[in-house]
Protein backbone atom coordinates (compact mmCIF):
# COMPACT_ATOMS: atom_id res chain seq x y z
CA UNK A 1 84.88 123.45 103.69
CA UNK A 2 85.94 125.02 107.01
CA UNK A 3 89.64 125.59 108.94
CA UNK A 4 89.07 124.02 111.46
CA UNK A 5 90.32 121.32 114.24
CA UNK A 6 86.57 119.00 114.97
CA UNK A 7 86.25 118.19 118.07
CA UNK A 8 86.84 114.58 117.82
CA UNK A 9 82.73 114.19 119.03
CA UNK A 10 81.32 113.03 115.51
CA UNK A 11 77.85 113.57 115.21
CA UNK A 12 76.20 110.52 112.59
CA UNK A 13 72.56 110.47 110.91
CA UNK A 14 69.61 113.13 111.21
CA UNK A 15 69.61 114.22 114.70
CA UNK A 16 67.07 116.19 116.53
CA UNK A 17 67.47 119.97 116.02
CA UNK A 18 67.98 120.14 119.87
CA UNK A 19 70.30 117.87 120.94
CA UNK A 20 70.50 116.76 124.71
CA UNK A 21 74.40 117.46 126.60
CA UNK A 22 76.85 115.30 125.41
CA UNK A 23 76.86 114.05 129.35
CA UNK A 24 73.15 112.65 129.14
CA UNK A 25 73.74 110.23 126.22
CA UNK A 26 74.00 106.93 127.15
CA UNK A 27 76.77 105.57 125.99
CA UNK A 28 76.90 101.88 124.85
CA UNK A 29 79.95 99.75 126.64
CA UNK A 30 79.02 96.63 124.67
CA UNK A 31 77.23 95.22 121.24
CA UNK A 32 74.40 93.01 123.69
CA UNK A 33 73.10 96.96 124.83
CA UNK A 34 72.07 97.18 120.89
CA UNK A 35 69.68 94.80 121.74
CA UNK A 36 67.22 96.58 123.68
CA UNK A 37 67.51 100.18 121.58
CA UNK A 38 63.95 101.47 120.48
CA UNK A 39 63.91 104.10 117.09
CA UNK A 40 64.69 107.05 117.75
CA UNK A 41 66.91 106.13 120.84
CA UNK A 42 70.20 108.60 120.77
CA UNK A 43 73.27 106.38 121.61
CA UNK A 44 77.35 107.55 122.19
CA UNK A 45 79.62 104.73 121.44
CA UNK A 46 83.66 105.49 121.81
CA UNK A 47 83.90 109.31 119.87
CA UNK A 48 80.52 108.72 117.95
CA UNK A 49 77.26 110.14 119.03
CA UNK A 50 73.86 108.29 116.38
CA UNK A 51 70.23 107.83 116.51
CA UNK A 52 69.28 104.26 116.38
CA UNK A 53 66.51 104.15 113.56
CA UNK A 54 64.82 101.49 111.00
CA UNK A 55 67.34 101.02 108.74
CA UNK A 56 69.76 100.08 112.02
CA UNK A 57 70.40 96.15 112.66
CA UNK A 58 70.31 94.72 116.18
CA UNK A 59 73.02 91.94 116.94
CA UNK A 60 70.05 89.50 116.77
CA UNK A 61 69.53 90.42 113.24
CA UNK A 62 73.14 90.25 112.29
CA UNK A 63 73.99 87.46 113.72
CA UNK A 64 71.66 85.12 111.44
CA UNK A 65 73.64 87.59 108.36
CA UNK A 66 77.04 85.54 109.57
CA UNK A 67 75.92 82.33 108.04
CA UNK A 68 74.95 83.61 104.23
CA UNK A 69 77.29 84.05 102.17
CA UNK A 70 77.25 84.36 98.34
CA UNK A 71 75.50 81.00 96.53
CA UNK A 72 76.37 81.88 93.04
CA UNK A 73 80.00 82.86 93.52
CA UNK A 74 80.66 79.99 95.63
CA UNK A 75 79.37 77.59 93.12
CA UNK A 76 81.07 79.27 90.49
CA UNK A 77 84.42 78.07 92.50
CA UNK A 78 83.51 75.03 93.41
CA UNK A 79 82.68 73.96 89.37
CA UNK A 80 85.81 75.77 88.21
CA UNK A 81 88.15 74.54 91.10
CA UNK A 82 89.75 78.02 91.87
CA UNK A 83 90.30 77.27 95.04
CA UNK A 84 92.47 74.57 94.92
CA UNK A 85 94.84 72.75 92.89
CA UNK A 86 95.38 74.23 89.10
CA UNK A 87 92.84 76.39 89.09
CA UNK A 88 94.28 78.02 91.83
CA UNK A 89 96.10 81.55 90.88
CA UNK A 90 93.62 81.88 87.35
CA UNK A 91 91.74 84.36 86.44
CA UNK A 92 88.88 83.74 87.78
CA UNK A 93 87.36 86.64 84.57
CA UNK A 94 89.06 84.25 82.25
CA UNK A 95 88.23 81.10 83.71
CA UNK A 96 84.59 82.15 83.55
CA UNK A 97 84.86 83.31 80.13
CA UNK A 98 86.76 79.79 78.88
CA UNK A 99 84.43 77.70 80.64
CA UNK A 100 81.12 79.31 79.38
CA UNK A 101 82.71 79.67 75.88
CA UNK A 102 84.09 75.32 76.13
CA UNK A 103 79.99 74.53 77.47
CA UNK A 104 78.84 76.14 73.98
CA UNK A 105 81.25 74.46 72.19
CA UNK A 106 80.86 71.10 73.65
CA UNK A 107 76.83 71.24 73.49
CA UNK A 108 76.85 72.93 70.47
CA UNK A 109 74.55 76.31 70.58
CA UNK A 110 70.92 75.53 70.43
CA UNK A 111 71.37 72.59 73.21
CA UNK A 112 73.58 74.88 75.55
CA UNK A 113 70.89 78.18 75.10
CA UNK A 114 68.12 75.47 76.04
CA UNK A 115 70.20 73.84 79.11
CA UNK A 116 72.21 76.65 80.37
CA UNK A 117 69.25 77.76 83.00
CA UNK A 118 70.64 74.93 84.88
CA UNK A 119 74.52 75.96 85.02
CA UNK A 120 75.62 78.17 88.52
CA UNK A 121 78.47 79.82 86.10
CA UNK A 122 75.60 80.96 83.60
CA UNK A 123 73.81 82.06 86.04
CA UNK A 124 76.54 83.95 87.66
CA UNK A 125 77.26 85.43 83.97
CA UNK A 126 74.07 86.45 83.94
CA UNK A 127 73.63 88.21 87.39
CA UNK A 128 76.62 90.42 86.11
CA UNK A 129 75.95 91.34 82.66
CA UNK A 130 72.98 93.15 84.09
CA UNK A 131 72.60 96.89 85.92
CA UNK A 132 71.48 96.78 89.50
CA UNK A 133 67.78 96.76 90.17
CA UNK A 134 66.45 100.12 90.63
CA UNK A 135 66.52 100.49 94.22
CA UNK A 136 70.19 100.16 94.77
CA UNK A 137 71.33 101.15 91.06
CA UNK A 138 73.59 104.89 90.53
CA UNK A 139 72.21 105.08 86.80
CA UNK A 140 69.54 107.92 86.49
CA UNK A 141 66.68 107.95 83.65
CA UNK A 142 68.21 107.37 80.23
CA UNK A 143 71.45 108.62 81.36
CA UNK A 144 73.68 104.93 81.82
CA UNK A 145 77.40 106.57 82.24
CA UNK A 146 79.18 104.59 84.06
CA UNK A 147 82.44 106.62 84.64
CA UNK A 148 82.76 110.26 86.11
CA UNK A 149 81.62 112.99 85.73
CA UNK A 150 84.43 116.06 84.85
CA UNK A 151 84.97 118.81 87.43
CA UNK A 152 81.78 121.02 87.58
CA UNK A 153 80.26 119.01 84.93
CA UNK A 154 77.36 118.32 87.26
CA UNK A 155 75.68 121.60 87.46
CA UNK A 156 74.76 121.70 83.85
CA UNK A 157 73.88 117.65 84.03
CA UNK A 158 71.66 118.75 86.16
CA UNK A 159 70.35 122.20 84.92
CA UNK A 160 70.02 120.17 81.44
CA UNK A 161 67.79 117.94 83.79
CA UNK A 162 65.16 120.57 84.58
CA UNK A 163 64.76 121.69 80.90
CA UNK A 164 61.57 120.28 79.29
CA UNK A 165 61.79 118.26 76.85
CA UNK A 166 59.18 116.11 74.26
CA UNK A 167 61.32 112.67 74.96
CA UNK A 168 62.04 112.92 78.50
CA UNK A 169 58.59 111.71 81.19
CA UNK A 170 58.93 113.51 83.99
CA UNK A 171 60.09 110.81 86.08
CA UNK A 172 63.07 110.63 83.61
CA UNK A 173 63.49 115.02 84.65
CA UNK A 174 63.01 114.03 88.42
CA UNK A 175 65.62 110.98 87.99
CA UNK A 176 68.10 112.69 86.28
CA UNK A 177 67.95 115.32 88.86
CA UNK A 178 69.27 113.00 91.66
CA UNK A 179 72.91 111.97 92.28
CA UNK A 180 74.30 108.85 90.45
CA UNK A 181 77.29 106.71 89.83
CA UNK A 182 78.96 109.22 87.85
CA UNK A 183 78.58 112.00 90.37
CA UNK A 184 79.94 109.80 92.65
CA UNK A 185 82.25 109.04 91.15
CA UNK A 186 83.26 112.65 90.52
CA UNK A 187 82.90 113.20 94.05
CA UNK A 188 85.67 110.37 94.88
CA UNK A 189 88.64 112.13 92.07
CA UNK A 190 87.26 115.55 94.00
CA UNK A 191 88.94 114.33 97.18
CA UNK A 192 90.63 111.55 96.07
CA UNK A 193 94.04 112.91 97.76
CA UNK A 194 91.94 113.04 101.61
CA UNK A 195 89.74 109.79 100.38
CA UNK A 196 92.92 107.37 99.90
CA UNK A 197 94.23 108.85 103.17
CA UNK A 198 90.74 107.80 105.40
CA UNK A 199 90.56 104.39 103.46
CA UNK A 200 93.98 103.73 104.66
CA UNK A 201 93.71 104.99 108.12
CA UNK A 202 90.26 104.39 108.99
CA UNK A 203 88.86 101.79 106.35
CA UNK A 204 91.35 99.54 106.77
CA UNK A 205 93.25 99.99 109.75
CA UNK A 206 90.41 100.63 111.98
CA UNK A 207 87.88 98.38 110.07
CA UNK A 208 89.92 95.38 109.41
CA UNK A 209 90.72 95.36 113.13
CA UNK A 210 87.50 94.08 114.26
CA UNK A 211 87.96 90.27 115.45
CA UNK A 212 85.70 88.39 113.21
CA UNK A 213 87.07 90.49 110.15
CA UNK A 214 90.61 89.62 111.14
CA UNK A 215 89.72 85.91 111.88
CA UNK A 216 89.43 85.93 108.22
CA UNK A 217 92.36 87.51 107.71
CA UNK A 218 94.05 85.51 110.04
CA UNK A 219 93.66 82.43 108.03
CA UNK A 220 94.65 84.04 104.54
CA UNK A 221 97.27 86.20 105.96
CA UNK A 222 95.51 89.09 103.95
CA UNK A 223 96.87 92.28 105.02
CA UNK A 224 97.71 90.70 108.65
CA UNK A 225 100.91 89.29 107.23
CA UNK A 226 103.92 89.36 109.57
CA UNK A 227 106.24 90.57 106.27
CA UNK A 228 105.62 94.22 105.05
CA UNK A 229 105.86 93.38 101.76
CA UNK A 230 103.16 90.95 101.50
CA UNK A 231 101.08 92.83 103.48
CA UNK A 232 101.71 96.07 101.40
CA UNK A 233 101.09 94.20 98.17
CA UNK A 234 97.55 93.54 99.10
CA UNK A 235 96.82 96.70 100.34
CA UNK A 236 98.10 97.32 96.80
CA UNK A 237 95.74 95.65 95.09
CA UNK A 238 92.81 96.41 97.31
CA UNK A 239 94.03 100.73 96.21
CA UNK A 240 93.64 99.15 92.70
CA UNK A 241 89.77 97.88 92.80
CA UNK A 242 89.10 100.89 94.47
CA UNK A 243 90.64 102.98 91.62
CA UNK A 244 89.23 100.47 88.86
CA UNK A 245 85.44 100.75 90.11
CA UNK A 246 85.44 104.90 90.68
CA UNK A 247 87.14 105.11 86.86
CA UNK A 248 84.81 102.54 85.21
CA UNK A 249 81.67 100.40 86.27
CA UNK A 250 80.43 99.87 82.43
CA UNK A 251 79.50 96.60 82.14
CA UNK A 252 80.73 93.75 79.94
CA UNK A 253 84.14 96.40 79.29
CA UNK A 254 84.62 98.02 82.12
CA UNK A 255 87.56 97.89 84.28
CA UNK A 256 86.14 98.27 87.81
CA UNK A 257 82.98 95.73 86.52
CA UNK A 258 86.03 93.37 85.56
CA UNK A 259 87.82 94.11 89.15
CA UNK A 260 84.64 93.83 90.81
CA UNK A 261 83.69 90.01 89.29
CA UNK A 262 87.29 89.30 90.01
CA UNK A 263 86.96 90.39 93.95
CA UNK A 264 83.47 88.74 94.62
CA UNK A 265 85.11 85.42 93.73
CA UNK A 266 88.27 85.74 95.38
CA UNK A 267 86.06 86.08 98.18
CA UNK A 268 84.38 82.87 97.69
CA UNK A 269 87.65 81.45 96.90
CA UNK A 270 88.13 82.36 100.23
CA UNK A 271 85.68 80.69 101.85
CA UNK A 272 86.07 77.10 100.38
CA UNK A 273 89.65 77.13 101.35
CA UNK A 274 88.90 78.48 104.98
CA UNK A 275 86.12 75.57 104.96
CA UNK A 276 88.22 73.15 102.81
CA UNK A 277 90.73 72.79 105.56
CA UNK A 278 93.22 74.95 103.82
CA UNK A 279 93.49 78.12 105.45
CA UNK A 280 96.79 78.77 106.57
CA UNK A 281 96.28 77.77 110.65
CA UNK A 282 92.84 75.57 110.41
CA UNK A 283 91.39 77.60 113.88
CA UNK A 284 88.93 79.43 112.06
CA UNK A 285 85.75 78.56 114.07
CA UNK A 286 82.21 79.12 111.87
CA UNK A 287 79.98 78.09 114.94
CA UNK A 288 81.10 81.56 116.53
CA UNK A 289 82.68 83.44 113.61
CA UNK A 290 79.88 82.49 111.25
CA UNK A 291 81.00 81.62 107.48
CA UNK A 292 83.98 83.44 106.27
CA UNK A 293 83.08 86.86 104.47
CA UNK A 294 79.17 86.50 104.83
CA UNK A 295 76.50 89.16 104.49
CA UNK A 296 77.34 90.75 107.77
CA UNK A 297 81.02 91.60 106.81
CA UNK A 298 80.70 92.37 103.24
CA UNK A 299 77.99 95.25 104.27
CA UNK A 300 80.22 96.28 106.69
CA UNK A 301 83.22 96.59 104.64
CA UNK A 302 81.20 98.57 102.28
CA UNK A 303 80.28 100.82 104.83
CA UNK A 304 83.60 101.46 105.35
CA UNK A 305 84.27 101.97 101.75
CA UNK A 306 81.12 104.48 101.49
CA UNK A 307 80.41 105.97 104.61
CA UNK A 308 83.92 106.10 106.59
CA UNK A 309 85.46 108.04 104.42
CA UNK A 310 82.89 111.07 104.36
CA UNK A 311 83.27 110.64 107.92
CA UNK A 312 87.40 111.37 107.70
CA UNK A 313 86.89 114.05 105.63
CA UNK A 314 84.87 115.99 108.71
CA UNK A 315 87.44 115.12 111.08
CA UNK A 316 90.19 116.29 108.74
CA UNK A 317 87.32 119.71 109.18
CA UNK A 318 86.83 119.57 105.02
CA UNK A 319 82.47 120.36 105.02
CA UNK A 320 81.43 117.91 101.83
CA UNK A 321 78.08 118.79 100.76
CA UNK A 322 74.62 116.90 101.09
CA UNK A 323 74.48 116.13 97.47
CA UNK A 324 77.94 115.04 96.91
CA UNK A 325 77.45 112.59 100.41
CA UNK A 326 74.58 110.91 98.58
CA UNK A 327 76.22 110.86 95.68
CA UNK A 328 79.41 108.99 96.66
CA UNK A 329 77.16 106.53 98.63
CA UNK A 330 74.74 105.63 95.62
CA UNK A 331 78.49 105.04 93.76
CA UNK A 332 79.26 102.37 96.40
CA UNK A 333 75.74 101.05 96.32
CA UNK A 334 75.80 100.59 92.90
CA UNK A 335 79.08 98.58 92.73
CA UNK A 336 78.03 96.64 96.28
CA UNK A 337 75.39 95.29 93.34
CA UNK A 338 78.86 93.23 91.80
CA UNK A 339 80.41 92.53 94.63
CA UNK A 340 77.54 89.73 95.19
CA UNK A 341 75.71 91.68 98.17
CA UNK A 342 72.57 90.56 99.39
CA UNK A 343 69.92 92.99 96.87
CA UNK A 344 66.72 93.82 100.22
CA UNK A 345 69.84 94.11 102.87
CA UNK A 346 71.80 96.33 100.62
CA UNK A 347 68.46 98.80 100.13
CA UNK A 348 67.51 98.39 103.61
CA UNK A 349 70.92 99.74 104.90
CA UNK A 350 72.21 101.99 102.43
CA UNK A 351 68.99 102.65 99.81
CA UNK A 352 67.75 105.89 101.54
CA UNK A 353 69.08 108.91 102.35
CA UNK A 354 73.48 109.36 103.46
CA UNK A 355 72.23 109.88 106.78
CA UNK A 356 70.06 106.62 106.90
CA UNK A 357 73.82 105.23 105.14
CA UNK A 358 75.46 105.95 107.99
CA UNK A 359 73.38 105.12 110.56
CA UNK A 360 73.05 102.01 109.91
CA UNK A 361 77.02 101.62 109.37
CA UNK A 362 77.08 102.66 112.83
CA UNK A 363 75.21 100.00 114.34
CA UNK A 364 76.95 97.56 112.24
CA UNK A 365 80.48 98.91 113.48
CA UNK A 366 79.14 98.75 116.87
CA UNK A 367 78.70 95.29 116.65
CA UNK A 368 81.72 94.01 115.29
CA UNK A 369 83.75 96.12 116.97
CA UNK A 370 85.19 94.49 120.10
CA UNK A 371 84.29 96.23 124.09
CA UNK A 372 86.26 95.19 127.16
CA UNK A 373 89.85 95.20 127.75
CA UNK A 374 92.66 96.60 124.52
CA UNK A 375 95.00 94.50 122.87
CA UNK A 376 97.68 93.60 125.42
CA UNK A 377 100.35 93.85 122.73
CA UNK A 378 99.80 96.74 120.83
CA UNK A 379 102.59 96.00 117.94
CA UNK A 380 101.11 92.92 116.85
CA UNK A 381 97.59 93.81 116.02
CA UNK A 382 96.43 93.39 112.51
CA UNK A 383 95.62 98.01 112.45
CA UNK A 384 99.94 98.33 113.54
CA UNK A 385 100.43 95.51 111.32
CA UNK A 386 99.19 97.63 108.13
CA UNK A 387 100.34 101.12 109.26
CA UNK A 388 103.95 99.69 109.67
CA UNK A 389 103.37 97.96 106.21
CA UNK A 390 103.06 101.41 104.34
CA UNK A 391 105.46 103.45 106.52
CA UNK A 392 108.45 104.57 104.62
CA UNK A 393 107.05 103.57 101.26
CA UNK A 394 106.75 106.13 98.26
CA UNK A 395 105.55 108.80 97.52
CA UNK A 396 106.42 110.21 100.98
CA UNK A 397 108.16 107.76 103.02
CA UNK A 398 106.35 108.69 106.36
CA UNK A 399 107.19 107.12 109.60
CA UNK A 400 105.13 104.87 111.47
CA UNK A 401 104.18 107.59 114.47
CA UNK A 402 102.79 109.75 111.56
CA UNK A 403 100.51 107.34 110.34
CA UNK A 404 99.38 106.14 113.58
CA UNK A 405 98.70 109.61 114.40
CA UNK A 406 96.58 110.00 110.96
CA UNK A 407 94.83 106.60 112.22
CA UNK A 408 94.01 107.98 115.41
CA UNK A 409 92.73 111.39 114.09
CA UNK A 410 90.29 110.03 112.21
CA UNK A 411 88.84 106.98 114.49
CA UNK A 412 89.17 109.29 117.43
CA UNK A 413 90.98 108.83 120.71
CA UNK A 414 89.23 106.68 122.61
CA UNK A 415 88.16 104.58 119.62
CA UNK A 416 92.09 104.48 119.39
CA UNK A 417 92.38 103.28 123.08
CA UNK A 418 90.04 100.73 122.37
CA UNK A 419 92.73 99.25 119.40
CA UNK A 420 95.39 100.15 121.42
CA UNK A 421 96.92 102.24 118.96
CA UNK A 422 100.45 103.96 119.98
CA UNK A 423 101.18 107.50 119.91
CA UNK A 424 103.29 108.91 117.17
CA UNK A 425 106.06 111.87 118.60
CA UNK A 426 105.32 115.34 118.93
CA UNK A 427 107.19 116.10 115.63
CA UNK A 428 104.28 112.60 113.87
CA UNK A 429 101.93 115.38 115.03
CA UNK A 430 103.13 118.25 113.46
CA UNK A 431 103.25 116.24 110.22
CA UNK A 432 99.93 115.22 110.31
CA UNK A 433 98.79 118.83 110.21
CA UNK A 434 101.09 120.11 107.82
CA UNK A 435 99.38 117.62 105.50
CA UNK A 436 96.10 117.45 106.24
CA UNK A 437 96.20 121.80 105.94
CA UNK A 438 98.38 121.47 102.71
CA UNK A 439 95.36 118.94 101.43
CA UNK A 440 92.51 121.47 102.76
CA UNK A 441 94.43 124.50 100.97
CA UNK A 442 94.33 123.00 97.41
CA UNK A 443 91.09 121.70 97.83
CA UNK A 444 90.16 125.17 98.55
CA UNK A 445 92.12 127.85 96.58
CA UNK A 446 90.43 124.83 93.53
CA UNK A 447 86.85 126.27 94.44
CA UNK A 448 87.91 130.05 95.02
CA UNK A 449 89.63 129.64 92.22
CA UNK A 450 87.30 128.20 89.51
CA UNK A 451 84.34 130.71 91.18
CA UNK A 452 86.53 134.14 90.77
CA UNK A 453 87.93 133.62 87.62
CA UNK A 454 85.42 130.98 86.25
CA UNK A 455 86.67 128.95 83.08
CA UNK A 456 90.82 129.34 83.86
CA UNK A 457 89.96 128.34 87.67
CA UNK A 458 87.67 125.40 86.67
CA UNK A 459 90.46 124.24 83.83
CA UNK A 460 93.07 124.28 87.32
CA UNK A 461 90.72 122.33 88.86
CA UNK A 462 89.99 120.01 86.49
CA UNK A 463 94.19 119.23 86.10
CA UNK A 464 94.26 119.26 89.70
CA UNK A 465 91.66 116.25 90.03
CA UNK A 466 93.59 114.78 86.92
CA UNK A 467 97.56 115.19 88.27
CA UNK A 468 95.89 112.74 91.55
CA UNK A 469 93.95 110.29 89.50
CA UNK A 470 96.89 109.95 87.34
CA UNK A 471 99.68 109.49 90.14
CA UNK A 472 98.23 107.16 92.44
CA UNK A 473 97.25 104.75 89.31
CA UNK A 474 101.40 105.50 88.35
CA UNK A 475 101.97 103.93 92.06
CA UNK A 476 100.14 101.56 92.44
CA UNK A 477 100.63 99.86 88.98
CA UNK A 478 104.39 100.84 89.15
CA UNK A 479 104.54 98.97 92.92
CA UNK A 480 102.49 95.74 91.89
CA UNK A 481 105.82 95.21 89.50
CA UNK A 482 104.55 97.44 86.38
CA UNK A 483 101.56 94.88 85.57
CA UNK A 484 97.71 95.61 87.02
CA UNK A 485 96.52 93.02 89.18
CA UNK A 486 93.97 90.51 88.00
CA UNK A 487 92.86 89.45 92.46
CA UNK A 488 93.99 85.67 91.35
CA UNK A 489 94.96 83.66 94.81
CA UNK A 490 98.45 83.84 95.51
CA UNK A 491 100.05 81.14 97.84
CA UNK A 492 101.87 82.67 100.78
CA UNK A 493 105.42 82.12 100.28
CA UNK A 494 105.09 84.69 96.51
CA UNK A 495 102.09 87.38 98.23
CA UNK A 496 105.27 89.76 98.89
CA UNK A 497 106.60 89.28 94.82
CA UNK A 498 105.78 91.78 92.33
CA UNK A 499 103.51 90.18 89.49
CA UNK A 500 105.76 88.30 87.07
CA UNK A 501 105.47 89.56 83.11
CA UNK A 502 103.39 85.78 83.27
CA UNK A 503 101.31 87.16 85.57
CA UNK A 504 97.95 89.70 85.50
CA UNK A 505 97.42 92.33 82.97
CA UNK A 506 99.17 95.28 81.25
CA UNK A 507 99.16 98.58 82.39
CA UNK A 508 97.04 100.07 79.99
CA UNK A 509 99.22 103.12 81.46
CA UNK A 510 102.20 104.51 79.74
CA UNK A 511 105.49 103.94 82.09
CA UNK A 512 108.99 105.29 82.53
CA UNK A 513 111.37 107.77 83.69
CA UNK A 514 110.14 110.28 81.36
CA UNK A 515 106.81 110.00 82.63
CA UNK A 516 108.03 110.82 86.20
CA UNK A 517 109.74 114.12 84.55
CA UNK A 518 106.54 114.76 82.67
CA UNK A 519 104.53 114.45 86.34
CA UNK A 520 107.02 116.66 88.47
CA UNK A 521 106.60 119.50 85.81
CA UNK A 522 102.78 119.32 86.12
CA UNK A 523 102.82 119.52 89.69
CA UNK A 524 104.75 123.01 89.05
CA UNK A 525 103.00 124.23 86.88
CA UNK A 526 99.77 123.82 89.17
CA UNK A 527 102.05 124.92 92.12
CA UNK A 528 102.95 127.92 90.17
CA UNK A 529 99.54 129.42 88.94
CA UNK A 530 98.40 128.76 92.15
CA UNK A 531 101.11 130.92 93.70
CA UNK A 532 100.72 133.17 91.26
CA UNK A 533 97.14 133.67 91.37
CA UNK A 534 97.47 134.24 94.90
CA UNK A 535 100.21 137.11 94.48
CA UNK A 536 97.81 139.17 92.46
CA UNK A 537 94.90 138.50 95.40
CA UNK A 538 97.24 139.78 97.95
CA UNK A 539 99.40 142.15 95.21
CA UNK A 540 95.14 143.81 94.13
CA UNK A 541 94.72 143.98 98.45
CA UNK A 542 97.46 145.94 99.18
CA UNK A 543 97.26 148.17 96.56
CA UNK A 544 93.49 148.96 96.74
CA UNK A 545 94.94 149.76 100.64
CA UNK A 546 96.93 152.10 99.80
CA UNK A 547 94.98 154.02 97.46
CA UNK A 548 91.81 153.72 100.09
CA UNK A 549 94.78 155.10 103.02
CA UNK A 550 96.02 158.03 100.04
CA UNK A 551 92.33 158.71 99.50
CA UNK A 552 91.64 159.18 102.81
CA UNK A 553 94.91 161.76 103.64
CA UNK A 554 93.74 163.85 100.98
CA UNK A 555 90.62 165.16 103.68
């Protein structure tokens, strides 16, 4: 980690060790300019500098992807009637299970086993029940763990993987030493406070401002509603999906696995509603925009969850190790399989190194974001509505200006101007500096304390990560109505309401005022120990300096 205010220019990918002056790197003003690029070409757009490589996509390669959806999920939604009528609003996961159990009961076990290969719902369930293919999987060797490693646990795992074992092949030893899903999930929880800031202010507010993504949001009122509560509830659902995916992706039982299935089928419901004239305005143009939530959109959104947070950490002055970046990439690539992303495409864009993945994501972002004049009314843009939906909300209740300045910091000034993001006040600029520095201090202290005081320091860092994990889940579930969403479709008039007792699932965590008291006490204990440790170091330093000065005075 570096305690710096980084330059707004972000250098992306595996760039040459000797770069030409920034002013001599060609600036790409529109996506059309990408078409003539050859591998190895340096380019600059907004405050990003990258190199076009073999994993990158040109606009002509992206366009066909806009007309490819997720055929299995689309078939399930059609068969089960999840998009319209009585089936709309059902828990898609339970609907699939009920259908399969009903078909087996109706046809009999033997006949069902002979005929189910032709059933699209069974084929979908079968695909979801498999581990991802090796080229995109986050599972390594014999380790099939799909829950996060504890803080510092990965170090002992890597050491163990390199020890000879009669039952382990050479390939097993190598693969276990590579970053895996569990390690990537652990990276998420280590930097969770900063990553949630990035997801809100870069991935969602920035990413969904792209016109083609915004067109789908506009038709569904998803994240762009003029009603703050409706947008906020959707943001909470997205946050819960991230929490679930980074907590447990165990096939068949993990909350993240179930949430991925539900989100995948929700995407298919959105596609079907828009394509059958059930959108909010029915102005979506398939010829110009492509299919709703197509493969290009899915790849871009996955990159916004995989790559953009790592970029944001750099812009906060936090240096994430190359291994941590790779592990985080592996985790989200693994999740991407269960969201219905095309496997060969997922491997091409995000299946190699993190440098290659961020270059590929940059090529997608360059193509989907607008060129030309910024929006004429900044207060009606998707990005402004997303940020305004979270202002004044717990736990900190920051004003809109604070969120605008954070968004501008993470996106970079040139991209912020392109998106017509208003500026906050000078007090907002100060408040984001305080927030970024406070987060940096907690991270830095945890790492140093763990090295200097070993066991005690590691326990403190683990408690810090556990505290953030617990608090985020408590906040999200509480604000959803003390229920867990099942990502079911809700009609426009109910999108801002909390979940009723007959909706969603049990929270799965203990709630109540006493939990709030307990959480505050845990936070206070963390800060007290941090302060005591820092004071001890200062006192020791002062004492040592005084002793040295006294000894010198004797001679």
